[in-house]
Amino acid sequence: MVRTQAEESAAMKNRMIADKALMEKVAEVAGVLCKAYESGHKTLWAGNGGSAADAQHMVGEIVNKFYFDRPGLPALALNTNSSVVTAIGNDYGYDKVFSKQLEGCAEEGDVFIGISTSGNSANLVDVLDICRKKGIVTVALVGERACRMDAYDYAIHIPSTVTPRVQEGHTLVGHILCSIIEESVFGKEK
């Protein structure tokens, strides 16, 4: 069982590496994120359940540091403020917990990254209208199946339908993005 899980994870990552279009999409999104940071903007991340933890994880890497000491960069995980999430959920419904925050906290030039293994989370699909109105670029990290989040500006599909493998792919992509952002904005570690 242990070896099987490790082999399945490695096989999924090897499929990612072999997928030239996927690698090019990750590089393209990295460029979008770097441009946003170099222009003084921020990233806003969100997900549900394990994907919420992934969003929070990547925000920690961006705000604090990834490979080397450097000044923090502005990033927010929209799923972490329980008072805001529950107030919006209570007053407007759970589908609005991210769009209402983007309405108040995001500005033109920012980038929103939604993480969902299915790509069909209603509260992540709901952000599209407000993001388009405000000029916020949208990036979806999803599994391999076609989904509602394909309507985002950029959709990065992990080549698996197995939730743990998709989440492992999301973490890998997130770490790649963090590394590229850090190097692009601050230069290589001295």
Protein backbone atom coordinates (compact mmCIF):
# COMPACT_ATOMS: atom_id res chain seq x y z
CA MET A 1 0.00 0.00 0.00
CA VAL A 2 2.74 2.49 0.92
CA ARG A 3 4.81 1.78 -2.18
CA THR A 4 1.69 1.80 -4.39
CA GLN A 5 0.70 5.27 -3.18
CA ALA A 6 4.22 6.59 -3.77
CA GLU A 7 4.35 5.02 -7.24
CA GLU A 8 0.96 6.50 -8.19
CA SER A 9 2.15 9.95 -7.07
CA ALA A 10 5.40 9.63 -9.03
CA ALA A 11 3.54 8.41 -12.13
CA MET A 12 1.18 11.39 -12.01
CA LYS A 13 4.11 13.80 -11.68
CA ASN A 14 5.86 12.09 -14.60
CA ARG A 15 2.69 12.61 -16.69
CA MET A 16 2.81 16.29 -15.74
CA ILE A 17 6.45 16.58 -16.78
CA ALA A 18 5.78 14.82 -20.10
CA ASP A 19 2.83 17.11 -20.92
CA LYS A 20 4.46 19.96 -22.85
CA ALA A 21 1.23 22.00 -23.02
CA LEU A 22 0.79 21.73 -19.24
CA MET A 23 4.37 22.82 -18.58
CA GLU A 24 3.93 25.77 -20.97
CA LYS A 25 0.67 26.76 -19.22
CA VAL A 26 2.40 26.73 -15.81
CA ALA A 27 5.20 28.91 -17.22
CA GLU A 28 2.63 31.27 -18.77
CA VAL A 29 0.76 31.62 -15.47
CA ALA A 30 4.06 32.21 -13.65
CA GLY A 31 4.71 35.08 -16.06
CA VAL A 32 1.27 36.55 -15.33
CA LEU A 33 1.90 36.36 -11.57
CA CYS A 34 5.36 37.90 -11.86
CA LYS A 35 4.00 40.76 -13.96
CA ALA A 36 1.28 41.38 -11.36
CA TYR A 37 3.83 41.52 -8.52
CA GLU A 38 6.26 43.66 -10.49
CA SER A 39 3.37 46.09 -11.13
CA GLY A 40 2.55 46.37 -7.41
CA HIS A 41 -0.46 44.05 -7.35
CA LYS A 42 -1.33 41.03 -5.21
CA THR A 43 -2.60 37.49 -5.48
CA LEU A 44 -5.74 36.21 -3.80
CA TRP A 45 -6.13 32.46 -3.33
CA ALA A 46 -9.11 30.30 -2.30
CA GLY A 47 -10.34 26.75 -2.10
CA ASN A 48 -12.57 24.46 -0.05
CA GLY A 49 -11.47 21.70 2.32
CA GLY A 50 -8.01 20.40 1.39
CA SER A 51 -7.83 22.99 -1.38
CA ALA A 52 -8.38 25.71 1.23
CA ALA A 53 -5.34 24.38 3.07
CA ASP A 54 -3.40 24.44 -0.21
CA ALA A 55 -4.39 28.08 -0.77
CA GLN A 56 -3.28 29.00 2.73
CA HIS A 57 -0.02 27.08 2.26
CA MET A 58 0.90 28.96 -0.95
CA VAL A 59 0.03 32.32 0.57
CA GLY A 60 2.41 31.54 3.43
CA GLU A 61 5.20 30.81 0.96
CA ILE A 62 4.57 34.09 -0.90
CA VAL A 63 4.14 36.40 2.08
CA ASN A 64 7.02 34.96 4.11
CA LYS A 65 9.67 33.33 1.89
CA PHE A 66 10.17 30.31 -0.29
CA TYR A 67 13.86 29.58 -0.87
CA PHE A 68 15.57 32.62 0.65
CA ASP A 69 15.11 35.58 2.96
CA ARG A 70 13.51 38.54 1.21
CA PRO A 71 10.74 41.09 1.80
CA GLY A 72 7.19 39.75 1.87
CA LEU A 73 4.83 39.97 -1.06
CA PRO A 74 1.09 40.71 -0.77
CA ALA A 75 -1.11 37.61 -0.93
CA LEU A 76 -4.35 36.61 0.80
CA ALA A 77 -6.10 33.28 1.35
CA LEU A 78 -9.80 34.17 1.22
CA ASN A 79 -10.86 31.00 3.03
CA THR A 80 -8.96 31.72 6.26
CA ASN A 81 -11.00 34.45 7.98
CA SER A 82 -13.77 32.46 9.66
CA SER A 83 -15.71 35.57 10.75
CA VAL A 84 -15.83 36.93 7.20
CA VAL A 85 -16.59 33.54 5.63
CA THR A 86 -19.41 32.77 8.09
CA ALA A 87 -20.88 36.29 7.92
CA ILE A 88 -21.08 36.16 4.12
CA GLY A 89 -22.30 32.57 4.20
CA ASN A 90 -25.02 33.47 6.69
CA ASP A 91 -26.16 36.65 4.94
CA TYR A 92 -25.71 35.75 1.25
CA GLY A 93 -25.06 32.00 1.06
CA TYR A 94 -21.88 29.94 0.83
CA ASP A 95 -21.66 30.45 -2.94
CA LYS A 96 -20.80 34.13 -2.28
CA VAL A 97 -18.00 33.71 0.30
CA PHE A 98 -15.21 34.44 -2.18
CA SER A 99 -16.90 36.84 -4.62
CA LYS A 100 -17.96 39.20 -1.81
CA GLN A 101 -14.37 39.29 -0.52
CA LEU A 102 -13.02 39.98 -3.99
CA GLU A 103 -15.56 42.76 -4.33
CA GLY A 104 -14.07 44.44 -1.25
CA CYS A 105 -10.38 43.47 -1.33
CA ALA A 106 -9.31 43.05 -4.95
CA GLU A 107 -8.45 45.64 -7.54
CA GLU A 108 -7.70 45.71 -11.24
CA GLY A 109 -4.40 43.96 -11.98
CA ASP A 110 -4.65 41.51 -9.07
CA VAL A 111 -4.72 37.76 -9.75
CA PHE A 112 -7.21 35.32 -8.20
CA ILE A 113 -6.18 31.66 -7.96
CA GLY A 114 -9.00 29.19 -7.31
CA ILE A 115 -8.10 25.65 -6.31
CA SER A 116 -10.58 22.79 -6.76
CA THR A 117 -10.04 19.11 -7.48
CA SER A 118 -13.38 18.92 -9.34
CA GLY A 119 -13.25 22.40 -10.85
CA ASN A 120 -16.96 22.79 -10.18
CA SER A 121 -17.11 24.40 -6.72
CA ALA A 122 -19.98 26.87 -6.90
CA ASN A 123 -18.25 29.50 -4.77
CA LEU A 124 -15.19 29.42 -7.05
CA VAL A 125 -17.27 29.59 -10.23
CA ASP A 126 -19.24 32.51 -8.73
CA VAL A 127 -16.13 34.75 -8.68
CA LEU A 128 -16.01 35.09 -12.45
CA ASP A 129 -18.47 37.97 -12.78
CA ILE A 130 -16.81 40.16 -10.14
CA CYS A 131 -13.32 39.33 -11.44
CA ARG A 132 -14.28 40.30 -14.98
CA LYS A 133 -15.96 43.53 -13.81
CA LYS A 134 -12.91 44.52 -11.77
CA GLY A 135 -10.18 43.41 -14.21
CA ILE A 136 -8.87 40.63 -11.98
CA VAL A 137 -7.07 37.80 -13.80
CA THR A 138 -8.34 34.32 -12.87
CA VAL A 139 -6.29 31.13 -12.59
CA ALA A 140 -7.85 27.72 -11.91
CA LEU A 141 -5.93 24.76 -10.49
CA VAL A 142 -8.15 21.75 -11.21
CA GLY A 143 -8.14 18.03 -12.04
CA GLU A 144 -7.98 16.56 -15.53
CA ARG A 145 -11.70 16.63 -16.41
CA ALA A 146 -13.41 19.50 -18.20
CA CYS A 147 -15.14 21.66 -15.61
CA ARG A 148 -16.94 24.93 -14.94
CA MET A 149 -13.68 26.60 -13.90
CA ASP A 150 -12.43 26.17 -17.47
CA ALA A 151 -14.11 29.57 -17.94
CA TYR A 152 -11.24 31.15 -15.96
CA ASP A 153 -8.58 33.08 -17.90
CA TYR A 154 -6.13 30.23 -17.25
CA ALA A 155 -6.95 26.65 -16.22
CA ILE A 156 -4.15 24.32 -15.16
CA HIS A 157 -5.38 20.73 -15.33
CA ILE A 158 -3.56 18.11 -13.28
CA PRO A 159 -3.56 14.76 -15.19
CA SER A 160 -5.54 12.71 -12.68
CA THR A 161 -9.09 12.14 -11.44
CA VAL A 162 -7.91 10.82 -8.06
CA THR A 163 -8.30 13.54 -5.43
CA PRO A 164 -5.02 12.97 -3.53
CA ARG A 165 -3.04 12.89 -6.80
CA VAL A 166 -4.72 16.09 -8.02
CA GLN A 167 -3.91 17.80 -4.71
CA GLU A 168 -0.29 16.65 -4.96
CA GLY A 169 -0.16 18.16 -8.45
CA HIS A 170 -1.63 21.42 -7.16
CA THR A 171 1.08 21.60 -4.51
CA LEU A 172 3.79 20.97 -7.10
CA VAL A 173 2.41 23.69 -9.40
CA GLY A 174 2.05 26.06 -6.45
CA HIS A 175 5.65 25.50 -5.41
CA ILE A 176 6.86 26.05 -8.98
CA LEU A 177 4.91 29.33 -9.13
CA CYS A 178 6.31 30.46 -5.75
CA SER A 179 9.86 29.70 -6.86
CA ILE A 180 9.51 31.59 -10.13
CA ILE A 181 7.84 34.58 -8.46
CA GLU A 182 10.56 34.80 -5.82
CA GLU A 183 13.39 34.58 -8.34
CA SER A 184 11.75 36.99 -10.79
CA VAL A 185 10.90 39.68 -8.23
CA PHE A 186 13.99 39.45 -6.05
CA GLY A 187 16.67 37.73 -8.15
CA LYS A 188 18.42 34.50 -7.30
CA GLU A 189 19.55 33.90 -3.75
CA LYS A 190 22.91 35.54 -3.17
